[in-house]
Amino acid sequence: MKTKTNKAISLLQCGDLKAALAISSTFRIGFTKEERRTLKIAYECLSGNAGFYQQIGIDTNSEIEKSKSILLSKYMLKSAP
C-alpha cells in the first residue's frame, strides 16, 4: 500500500515539485502552520496563481524555493532535480 507521503516523496525525487506540493500542501500533521502556508502558496503559484500573490507583495520565487527546502528537509532527501 502506497501512502500519500510515499507518493509525495516519489514525485519530489522525480522532480515533479508541483505534484508533490499538490499532495503535501493538504497535510495537517507534521508541518507547522507557517510551513503549511508556504507549501500552499508555492503550489498555487505553480498552478498559475502567481500573479495574485505578487500583487499582495509575496515573493513567489522565494516561497517556491522555501517549499522545496521544507520538503527536502522534512523527508531528509539529498536534493531533487
Protein backbone atom coordinates (compact mmCIF):
# COMPACT_ATOMS: atom_id res chain seq x y z
CA MET A 1 0.00 0.00 0.00
CA LYS A 2 1.45 3.33 -1.08
CA THR A 3 0.72 6.22 1.26
CA LYS A 4 0.24 9.85 0.27
CA THR A 5 3.55 10.65 1.92
CA ASN A 6 5.33 8.00 -0.15
CA LYS A 7 3.70 9.35 -3.32
CA ALA A 8 4.80 12.90 -2.47
CA ILE A 9 8.37 11.75 -1.79
CA SER A 10 8.44 9.78 -5.03
CA LEU A 11 7.17 12.74 -7.04
CA LEU A 12 9.70 15.06 -5.40
CA GLN A 13 12.52 12.66 -6.22
CA CYS A 14 11.34 12.58 -9.85
CA GLY A 15 11.47 16.38 -9.96
CA ASP A 16 7.71 16.96 -10.09
CA LEU A 17 7.52 19.66 -7.41
CA LYS A 18 4.03 20.78 -8.40
CA ALA A 19 2.54 17.29 -7.97
CA ALA A 20 4.46 16.75 -4.73
CA LEU A 21 3.11 20.05 -3.42
CA ALA A 22 -0.41 19.14 -4.53
CA ILE A 23 -0.29 16.23 -2.11
CA SER A 24 1.81 17.63 0.72
CA SER A 25 0.07 21.02 0.85
CA THR A 26 -3.01 19.20 2.15
CA PHE A 27 -1.17 17.59 5.07
CA ARG A 28 -2.12 18.87 8.51
CA ILE A 29 0.19 16.77 10.65
CA GLY A 30 3.96 17.07 10.54
CA PHE A 31 4.18 20.66 9.36
CA THR A 32 3.95 23.92 11.27
CA LYS A 33 1.30 26.48 10.38
CA GLU A 34 3.89 28.59 8.56
CA GLU A 35 5.23 25.58 6.65
CA ARG A 36 1.71 24.62 5.55
CA ARG A 37 1.13 28.21 4.39
CA THR A 38 4.37 28.18 2.39
CA LEU A 39 3.52 24.83 0.78
CA LYS A 40 0.03 26.04 -0.15
CA ILE A 41 1.27 29.33 -1.62
CA ALA A 42 4.00 27.56 -3.61
CA TYR A 43 1.51 25.06 -5.01
CA GLU A 44 -0.91 27.80 -6.01
CA CYS A 45 1.92 29.77 -7.64
CA LEU A 46 2.93 26.75 -9.70
CA SER A 47 -0.73 26.26 -10.63
CA GLY A 48 -0.99 29.64 -12.30
CA ASN A 49 -1.94 31.96 -9.45
CA ALA A 50 1.48 33.58 -9.01
CA GLY A 51 0.15 36.94 -10.18
CA PHE A 52 -2.26 37.17 -7.27
CA TYR A 53 0.46 36.54 -4.70
CA GLN A 54 2.79 39.01 -6.39
CA GLN A 55 0.05 41.65 -6.24
CA ILE A 56 -0.25 41.24 -2.48
CA GLY A 57 3.51 41.53 -2.05
CA ILE A 58 4.63 37.92 -1.69
CA ASP A 59 7.89 36.88 -3.36
CA THR A 60 6.62 33.83 -5.22
CA ASN A 61 10.05 32.53 -6.23
CA SER A 62 11.17 32.65 -2.62
CA GLU A 63 8.06 30.75 -1.49
CA ILE A 64 8.65 28.04 -4.10
CA GLU A 65 12.28 27.65 -3.03
CA LYS A 66 11.27 27.58 0.67
CA SER A 67 8.67 24.90 -0.06
CA LYS A 68 11.27 22.79 -1.82
CA SER A 69 13.62 23.17 1.17
CA ILE A 70 10.84 22.27 3.60
CA LEU A 71 10.01 19.07 1.73
CA LEU A 72 13.65 18.07 1.26
CA SER A 73 14.47 18.63 4.93
CA LYS A 74 11.25 17.04 6.20
CA TYR A 75 11.81 13.86 4.22
CA MET A 76 15.61 14.00 4.55
CA LEU A 77 16.24 13.84 0.84
CA LYS A 78 19.59 14.90 -0.58
CA SER A 79 18.27 17.01 -3.45
CA ALA A 80 15.70 16.98 -6.19
CA PRO A 81 16.36 17.80 -9.84
